[in-house]
Each structure stands twice: as C-alpha cells, then as structure tokens.
Amino acid sequence: MKIKTIALLAGGVLSISAFALAATPAPIFKSESVKIPVPGAYFQGTDAAVLNQNCAYCHSAGFVNRQPVIPQAAWTGEVTKMKKVFGAPYSTAEIPKLVDALVARQKERK
C-alpha cells in the first residue's frame, strides 16, 4: 500500500509540473545591440595612425604598450614574423616604418 501511495503522489506531482510548464508562455527573444567600451584599444599620440592601420587588427594598443622594452632588432623580428607567419596586412616595405613607430612608443614610456 505504501508503494502505491508514493507512486500516486509522484505521478500527481509530475502531472501538476507538466501542466505548469505547458501553461507557462514561451519567452520572447529579440535581438539587442550592445556597445562595449574598449579602453586602450586604439593607439593615441605619435604614429598612432600607422599603428592603428597595421597593428590594431590583432593587437590592442594596451597589449602593445604593456610589452617589455626590446631593442629595434627584436621589434624588426617581431613585425617581420607577424607579416610572414601570421599574414599581417602590411607590405614588407612598411616594416621599417612600423618598427620605428614601436621603438618611438617605447621611448615615450620611459
């Protein structure tokens, strides 16, 4: 008798739950646009245009500005790697200009 009572109670609870779910209207979703502020995303100051045009596709200004100070030869290697290995959108002829901008940015931080 105990088992039948428990089974009946469980069945009743499930029936009530199913009815409650069926009676609940489905949520209505709509598209929303959200503007998220991105502090430090773009370069400011000296050579900002060249860095935003060529580096900000993949790197925020904050990311670049937090890099350790490295010599010009090391920056040349990094910028060349971005072009050859990762397909950065700038031409090989622009590499010296980018390196100069990155080195100048480091000097400004000191």
Protein backbone atom coordinates (compact mmCIF):
# COMPACT_ATOMS: atom_id res chain seq x y z
CA MET A 1 0.00 0.00 0.00
CA LYS A 2 2.87 2.36 0.82
CA ILE A 3 4.38 1.86 -2.61
CA LYS A 4 1.08 2.59 -4.37
CA THR A 5 0.62 5.77 -2.34
CA ILE A 6 4.13 7.00 -3.15
CA ALA A 7 3.64 6.16 -6.82
CA LEU A 8 0.33 8.01 -6.91
CA LEU A 9 1.85 11.05 -5.20
CA ALA A 10 4.83 11.06 -7.57
CA GLY A 11 2.51 10.76 -10.55
CA GLY A 12 0.39 13.61 -9.27
CA VAL A 13 3.41 15.85 -8.77
CA LEU A 14 4.66 15.08 -12.27
CA SER A 15 1.24 15.80 -13.76
CA ILE A 16 0.99 19.14 -11.98
CA SER A 17 4.57 20.04 -13.04
CA ALA A 18 3.84 19.16 -16.67
CA PHE A 19 0.66 21.24 -16.59
CA ALA A 20 2.51 24.20 -15.06
CA LEU A 21 5.20 24.02 -17.75
CA ALA A 22 2.60 23.80 -20.52
CA ALA A 23 0.71 26.79 -19.10
CA THR A 24 3.86 28.96 -18.95
CA PRO A 25 4.24 31.09 -22.09
CA ALA A 26 7.46 30.69 -24.03
CA PRO A 27 9.93 33.54 -23.59
CA ILE A 28 10.16 36.02 -26.44
CA PHE A 29 13.70 36.78 -27.54
CA LYS A 30 14.73 39.78 -29.57
CA SER A 31 18.00 40.98 -30.98
CA GLU A 32 19.86 43.61 -28.96
CA SER A 33 22.90 45.67 -29.86
CA VAL A 34 25.34 46.41 -27.08
CA LYS A 35 28.26 48.79 -27.27
CA ILE A 36 31.06 47.61 -25.05
CA PRO A 37 33.65 50.26 -24.20
CA VAL A 38 37.15 49.20 -25.07
CA PRO A 39 39.59 51.42 -23.21
CA GLY A 40 43.05 51.32 -24.68
CA ALA A 41 42.00 49.53 -27.86
CA TYR A 42 43.44 52.11 -30.26
CA PHE A 43 46.77 53.87 -30.32
CA GLN A 44 46.96 57.55 -29.46
CA GLY A 45 49.75 60.05 -29.96
CA THR A 46 52.90 59.64 -32.03
CA ASP A 47 52.49 57.37 -35.08
CA ALA A 48 49.02 56.32 -33.93
CA ALA A 49 47.66 56.22 -37.49
CA VAL A 50 50.27 53.79 -38.79
CA LEU A 51 49.94 51.52 -35.76
CA ASN A 52 46.12 51.56 -35.81
CA GLN A 53 46.09 50.82 -39.54
CA ASN A 54 48.56 47.94 -39.37
CA CYS A 55 48.61 46.50 -35.86
CA ALA A 56 45.17 47.07 -34.33
CA TYR A 57 43.64 44.33 -36.49
CA CYS A 58 45.03 41.83 -34.00
CA HIS A 59 46.56 43.79 -31.11
CA SER A 60 45.06 46.45 -28.87
CA ALA A 61 47.19 49.45 -28.02
CA GLY A 62 47.08 48.33 -24.41
CA PHE A 63 48.56 44.96 -25.34
CA VAL A 64 51.39 46.56 -27.32
CA ASN A 65 52.04 49.21 -24.67
CA ARG A 66 52.44 46.54 -21.99
CA GLN A 67 55.20 44.72 -23.86
CA PRO A 68 58.66 44.85 -22.32
CA VAL A 69 61.13 47.30 -23.80
CA ILE A 70 63.02 45.46 -26.53
CA PRO A 71 65.70 46.63 -28.96
CA GLN A 72 64.96 47.70 -32.52
CA ALA A 73 66.33 44.43 -33.96
CA ALA A 74 63.91 42.44 -31.81
CA TRP A 75 60.97 44.58 -32.96
CA THR A 76 62.08 44.03 -36.56
CA GLY A 77 61.96 40.28 -35.95
CA GLU A 78 58.51 40.51 -34.34
CA VAL A 79 56.99 42.71 -37.04
CA THR A 80 58.52 40.54 -39.80
CA LYS A 81 57.12 37.42 -38.11
CA MET A 82 53.65 38.99 -37.99
CA LYS A 83 53.85 39.51 -41.77
CA LYS A 84 55.45 36.22 -42.84
CA VAL A 85 53.97 33.76 -40.35
CA PHE A 86 50.61 35.28 -39.46
CA GLY A 87 49.84 37.17 -42.70
CA ALA A 88 49.64 40.70 -41.30
CA PRO A 89 48.09 43.08 -43.87
CA TYR A 90 51.05 45.44 -44.32
CA SER A 91 53.70 45.26 -47.02
CA THR A 92 57.29 44.24 -46.36
CA ALA A 93 58.31 47.79 -47.30
CA GLU A 94 56.28 49.13 -44.35
CA ILE A 95 58.13 47.05 -41.75
CA PRO A 96 60.85 49.67 -41.01
CA LYS A 97 58.17 52.37 -40.50
CA LEU A 98 56.25 50.12 -38.08
CA VAL A 99 59.41 49.21 -36.17
CA ASP A 100 60.36 52.89 -35.86
CA ALA A 101 56.87 53.66 -34.51
CA LEU A 102 57.07 50.85 -31.94
CA VAL A 103 60.55 51.86 -30.79
CA ALA A 104 59.47 55.52 -30.51
CA ARG A 105 56.45 54.43 -28.43
CA GLN A 106 58.77 52.58 -26.03
CA LYS A 107 60.96 55.66 -25.66
CA GLU A 108 57.88 57.77 -24.82
CA ARG A 109 57.00 55.37 -21.99
CA LYS A 110 60.31 55.81 -20.21
